[in-house]
C-alpha cells in the first residue's frame, strides 16, 4: 500500500498547475533516471511542493519563464511528500545541494547546470524567479531545439 504525506486530492491542483503547461510527472525512480540521465538536450525538473511560501511563487515563476523564446527540451516534475522514492532519486542528481522543496534544476546533456533552491525562491516574486530561469535557459538551452512553435 502506498503512503502519501498529503491527501492526493489536495495536491492535485498543484500538480495540474505544471502538467497543464506540459510537464511530465516522474512517478518512479526509473522514470527519474531515464529523464535526468539523458545525455542529449536539456531537462528542467521541478520539485513541486505544497509549501505556500515557496511553491506558491515557484509554479507561477516557472510558468512565466516558459513564455520565453528559449526553453528546455523536456519539462519534468516530482512532488515532495508524495512519490517519495522518485523525489529521493531526483534529489540524488542534485549533487552539492541539500534537499529543499520547492527546488528547480536545469540539466544539460545529463549534467546539472543550474539550481534554484527554496532559499532562492521563497519570498521572491514569480517575475524574479522567471528572470533567473530565463537567464539559465539563455545560457544552456539551444534556441533551435527549444522552438516549440
C-alpha atoms as a PDB file:
ATOM      1  CA  UNK A   1       0.000   0.000   0.000  1.00  0.00           C
ATOM      2  CA  UNK A   2       1.318   3.415  -0.988  1.00  0.00           C
ATOM      3  CA  UNK A   3       1.548   6.004   1.777  1.00  0.00           C
ATOM      4  CA  UNK A   4       1.433   9.698   0.960  1.00  0.00           C
ATOM      5  CA  UNK A   5       2.353  12.568   3.222  1.00  0.00           C
ATOM      6  CA  UNK A   6      -0.524  14.644   1.834  1.00  0.00           C
ATOM      7  CA  UNK A   7      -4.030  13.893   0.634  1.00  0.00           C
ATOM      8  CA  UNK A   8      -3.721  13.224  -3.124  1.00  0.00           C
ATOM      9  CA  UNK A   9      -6.924  15.197  -3.794  1.00  0.00           C
ATOM     10  CA  UNK A  10      -5.454  18.221  -2.012  1.00  0.00           C
ATOM     11  CA  UNK A  11      -2.262  18.271  -4.090  1.00  0.00           C
ATOM     12  CA  UNK A  12      -3.930  17.573  -7.456  1.00  0.00           C
ATOM     13  CA  UNK A  13      -4.499  21.278  -8.276  1.00  0.00           C
ATOM     14  CA  UNK A  14      -0.803  21.935  -7.552  1.00  0.00           C
ATOM     15  CA  UNK A  15       0.191  19.070  -9.838  1.00  0.00           C
ATOM     16  CA  UNK A  16      -2.172  20.376 -12.508  1.00  0.00           C
ATOM     17  CA  UNK A  17      -0.502  23.810 -12.478  1.00  0.00           C
ATOM     18  CA  UNK A  18       2.539  22.149 -14.045  1.00  0.00           C
ATOM     19  CA  UNK A  19       1.090  19.239 -16.017  1.00  0.00           C
ATOM     20  CA  UNK A  20      -1.379  21.533 -17.795  1.00  0.00           C
ATOM     21  CA  UNK A  21       1.551  23.503 -19.234  1.00  0.00           C
ATOM     22  CA  UNK A  22       3.386  20.434 -20.490  1.00  0.00           C
ATOM     23  CA  UNK A  23       5.284  18.997 -17.522  1.00  0.00           C
ATOM     24  CA  UNK A  24       5.677  15.241 -17.322  1.00  0.00           C
ATOM     25  CA  UNK A  25       5.303  13.751 -13.842  1.00  0.00           C
ATOM     26  CA  UNK A  26       8.150  11.418 -12.921  1.00  0.00           C
ATOM     27  CA  UNK A  27       6.425   8.979 -10.579  1.00  0.00           C
ATOM     28  CA  UNK A  28       9.112   6.314 -10.175  1.00  0.00           C
ATOM     29  CA  UNK A  29      12.874   6.258  -9.627  1.00  0.00           C
ATOM     30  CA  UNK A  30      13.216   4.581 -13.032  1.00  0.00           C
ATOM     31  CA  UNK A  31      11.370   7.441 -14.752  1.00  0.00           C
ATOM     32  CA  UNK A  32      13.663   9.922 -12.980  1.00  0.00           C
ATOM     33  CA  UNK A  33      16.754   8.018 -14.123  1.00  0.00           C
ATOM     34  CA  UNK A  34      15.513   7.925 -17.708  1.00  0.00           C
ATOM     35  CA  UNK A  35      14.842  11.672 -17.753  1.00  0.00           C
ATOM     36  CA  UNK A  36      17.774  13.050 -15.807  1.00  0.00           C
ATOM     37  CA  UNK A  37      20.491  10.831 -17.176  1.00  0.00           C
ATOM     38  CA  UNK A  38      19.688  11.836 -20.767  1.00  0.00           C
ATOM     39  CA  UNK A  39      22.971  12.761 -22.403  1.00  0.00           C
ATOM     40  CA  UNK A  40      21.452  14.893 -25.131  1.00  0.00           C
ATOM     41  CA  UNK A  41      19.486  18.101 -24.649  1.00  0.00           C
ATOM     42  CA  UNK A  42      18.093  19.985 -21.684  1.00  0.00           C
ATOM     43  CA  UNK A  43      15.704  18.873 -18.965  1.00  0.00           C
ATOM     44  CA  UNK A  44      14.019  21.098 -16.401  1.00  0.00           C
ATOM     45  CA  UNK A  45      12.951  19.307 -13.218  1.00  0.00           C
ATOM     46  CA  UNK A  46      10.714  20.978 -10.655  1.00  0.00           C
ATOM     47  CA  UNK A  47      10.422  19.511  -7.185  1.00  0.00           C
ATOM     48  CA  UNK A  48       6.848  20.613  -6.633  1.00  0.00           C
ATOM     49  CA  UNK A  49       5.578  21.231  -3.137  1.00  0.00           C
ATOM     50  CA  UNK A  50       2.593  22.269  -1.043  1.00  0.00           C
ATOM     51  CA  UNK A  51       4.742  24.935   0.634  1.00  0.00           C
ATOM     52  CA  UNK A  52       2.745  28.115   0.144  1.00  0.00           C
ATOM     53  CA  UNK A  53       5.660  30.430   0.874  1.00  0.00           C
ATOM     54  CA  UNK A  54       7.904  28.862  -1.787  1.00  0.00           C
ATOM     55  CA  UNK A  55       5.863  26.793  -4.209  1.00  0.00           C
ATOM     56  CA  UNK A  56       3.200  29.477  -4.431  1.00  0.00           C
ATOM     57  CA  UNK A  57       5.795  31.578  -6.254  1.00  0.00           C
ATOM     58  CA  UNK A  58       7.745  28.755  -7.892  1.00  0.00           C
ATOM     59  CA  UNK A  59       4.939  27.389 -10.059  1.00  0.00           C
ATOM     60  CA  UNK A  60       3.904  30.811 -11.426  1.00  0.00           C
ATOM     61  CA  UNK A  61       7.578  31.708 -11.901  1.00  0.00           C
ATOM     62  CA  UNK A  62       8.170  28.556 -13.925  1.00  0.00           C
ATOM     63  CA  UNK A  63       5.043  29.238 -15.986  1.00  0.00           C
ATOM     64  CA  UNK A  64       6.261  32.769 -16.784  1.00  0.00           C
ATOM     65  CA  UNK A  65       9.754  31.523 -17.661  1.00  0.00           C
ATOM     66  CA  UNK A  66       8.297  29.102 -20.195  1.00  0.00           C
ATOM     67  CA  UNK A  67       6.863  32.039 -22.143  1.00  0.00           C
ATOM     68  CA  UNK A  68      10.494  32.856 -23.002  1.00  0.00           C
ATOM     69  CA  UNK A  69      11.586  32.149 -26.577  1.00  0.00           C
ATOM     70  CA  UNK A  70      14.334  29.785 -25.383  1.00  0.00           C
ATOM     71  CA  UNK A  71      13.168  26.818 -23.312  1.00  0.00           C
ATOM     72  CA  UNK A  72      14.373  23.417 -22.151  1.00  0.00           C
ATOM     73  CA  UNK A  73      13.715  20.442 -24.401  1.00  0.00           C
ATOM     74  CA  UNK A  74      11.906  18.471 -21.712  1.00  0.00           C
ATOM     75  CA  UNK A  75       9.825  19.573 -18.710  1.00  0.00           C
ATOM     76  CA  UNK A  76       9.566  17.199 -15.745  1.00  0.00           C
ATOM     77  CA  UNK A  77       8.343  17.293 -12.167  1.00  0.00           C
ATOM     78  CA  UNK A  78       8.309  15.256  -8.970  1.00  0.00           C
ATOM     79  CA  UNK A  79       6.137  16.074  -5.951  1.00  0.00           C
ATOM     80  CA  UNK A  80       7.709  16.308  -2.490  1.00  0.00           C
ATOM     81  CA  UNK A  81       5.781  14.326   0.091  1.00  0.00           C
ATOM     82  CA  UNK A  82       4.052  12.179  -2.487  1.00  0.00           C
ATOM     83  CA  UNK A  83       6.091   9.788  -4.663  1.00  0.00           C
ATOM     84  CA  UNK A  84       8.926   9.786  -2.148  1.00  0.00           C
ATOM     85  CA  UNK A  85      11.139   7.273  -3.965  1.00  0.00           C
ATOM     86  CA  UNK A  86      11.013   9.342  -7.162  1.00  0.00           C
ATOM     87  CA  UNK A  87      11.730  12.559  -5.252  1.00  0.00           C
ATOM     88  CA  UNK A  88      14.652  10.965  -3.439  1.00  0.00           C
ATOM     89  CA  UNK A  89      16.064   9.741  -6.749  1.00  0.00           C
ATOM     90  CA  UNK A  90      15.690  13.184  -8.359  1.00  0.00           C
ATOM     91  CA  UNK A  91      17.487  14.785  -5.424  1.00  0.00           C
ATOM     92  CA  UNK A  92      20.325  12.278  -5.839  1.00  0.00           C
ATOM     93  CA  UNK A  93      21.104  14.053  -9.114  1.00  0.00           C
ATOM     94  CA  UNK A  94      21.353  17.438  -7.347  1.00  0.00           C
ATOM     95  CA  UNK A  95      24.978  16.950  -6.312  1.00  0.00           C
ATOM     96  CA  UNK A  96      26.190  19.653  -3.963  1.00  0.00           C
ATOM     97  CA  UNK A  97      22.679  20.785  -2.983  1.00  0.00           C
ATOM     98  CA  UNK A  98      20.692  19.939   0.109  1.00  0.00           C
ATOM     99  CA  UNK A  99      17.118  18.702  -0.354  1.00  0.00           C
ATOM    100  CA  UNK A 100      14.588  21.502  -0.386  1.00  0.00           C
ATOM    101  CA  UNK A 101      11.133  21.995  -1.713  1.00  0.00           C
ATOM    102  CA  UNK A 102      10.400  23.579  -3.932  1.00  0.00           C
ATOM    103  CA  UNK A 103      13.567  23.155  -5.961  1.00  0.00           C
ATOM    104  CA  UNK A 104      14.186  23.712  -9.682  1.00  0.00           C
ATOM    105  CA  UNK A 105      17.084  22.142 -11.565  1.00  0.00           C
ATOM    106  CA  UNK A 106      18.183  22.507 -15.162  1.00  0.00           C
ATOM    107  CA  UNK A 107      20.170  19.676 -16.724  1.00  0.00           C
ATOM    108  CA  UNK A 108      22.133  19.839 -19.951  1.00  0.00           C
ATOM    109  CA  UNK A 109      23.431  16.666 -21.547  1.00  0.00           C
ATOM    110  CA  UNK A 110      22.937  14.768 -18.268  1.00  0.00           C
ATOM    111  CA  UNK A 111      24.705  17.357 -16.070  1.00  0.00           C
ATOM    112  CA  UNK A 112      23.120  19.741 -13.558  1.00  0.00           C
ATOM    113  CA  UNK A 113      23.912  23.251 -14.810  1.00  0.00           C
ATOM    114  CA  UNK A 114      21.567  25.467 -12.757  1.00  0.00           C
ATOM    115  CA  UNK A 115      19.700  25.145  -9.471  1.00  0.00           C
ATOM    116  CA  UNK A 116      17.160  27.254  -7.640  1.00  0.00           C
ATOM    117  CA  UNK A 117      16.703  26.111  -4.059  1.00  0.00           C
ATOM    118  CA  UNK A 118      13.885  27.054  -1.726  1.00  0.00           C
ATOM    119  CA  UNK A 119      16.026  29.896  -0.352  1.00  0.00           C
ATOM    120  CA  UNK A 120      16.311  31.267  -3.907  1.00  0.00           C
ATOM    121  CA  UNK A 121      12.535  31.079  -4.377  1.00  0.00           C
ATOM    122  CA  UNK A 122      10.895  31.850  -1.036  1.00  0.00           C
ATOM    123  CA  UNK A 123       9.804  35.459  -0.612  1.00  0.00           C
ATOM    124  CA  UNK A 124      10.503  36.359  -4.253  1.00  0.00           C
ATOM    125  CA  UNK A 125       8.010  37.408  -6.892  1.00  0.00           C
ATOM    126  CA  UNK A 126       7.272  34.978  -9.722  1.00  0.00           C
ATOM    127  CA  UNK A 127       8.749  37.507 -12.167  1.00  0.00           C
ATOM    128  CA  UNK A 128      12.121  37.399 -10.371  1.00  0.00           C
ATOM    129  CA  UNK A 129      12.130  33.596 -10.393  1.00  0.00           C
ATOM    130  CA  UNK A 130      11.231  33.647 -14.090  1.00  0.00           C
ATOM    131  CA  UNK A 131      14.089  36.054 -14.813  1.00  0.00           C
ATOM    132  CA  UNK A 132      16.563  33.686 -13.110  1.00  0.00           C
ATOM    133  CA  UNK A 133      15.253  30.744 -15.115  1.00  0.00           C
ATOM    134  CA  UNK A 134      15.242  32.671 -18.395  1.00  0.00           C
ATOM    135  CA  UNK A 135      18.915  33.593 -17.858  1.00  0.00           C
ATOM    136  CA  UNK A 136      19.684  29.901 -17.275  1.00  0.00           C
ATOM    137  CA  UNK A 137      17.724  28.940 -20.407  1.00  0.00           C
ATOM    138  CA  UNK A 138      19.643  31.535 -22.439  1.00  0.00           C
ATOM    139  CA  UNK A 139      22.928  30.107 -21.218  1.00  0.00           C
ATOM    140  CA  UNK A 140      22.169  26.393 -21.519  1.00  0.00           C
ATOM    141  CA  UNK A 141      19.305  25.753 -23.922  1.00  0.00           C
ATOM    142  CA  UNK A 142      19.657  25.707 -27.693  1.00  0.00           C
ATOM    143  CA  UNK A 143      17.181  28.078 -29.383  1.00  0.00           C
ATOM    144  CA  UNK A 144      16.593  25.791 -32.368  1.00  0.00           C
ATOM    145  CA  UNK A 145      15.789  22.802 -30.146  1.00  0.00           C
ATOM    146  CA  UNK A 146      13.657  24.935 -27.837  1.00  0.00           C
ATOM    147  CA  UNK A 147      11.409  26.342 -30.554  1.00  0.00           C
ATOM    148  CA  UNK A 148       8.003  24.901 -29.728  1.00  0.00           C
ATOM    149  CA  UNK A 149       6.028  26.815 -32.366  1.00  0.00           C
END
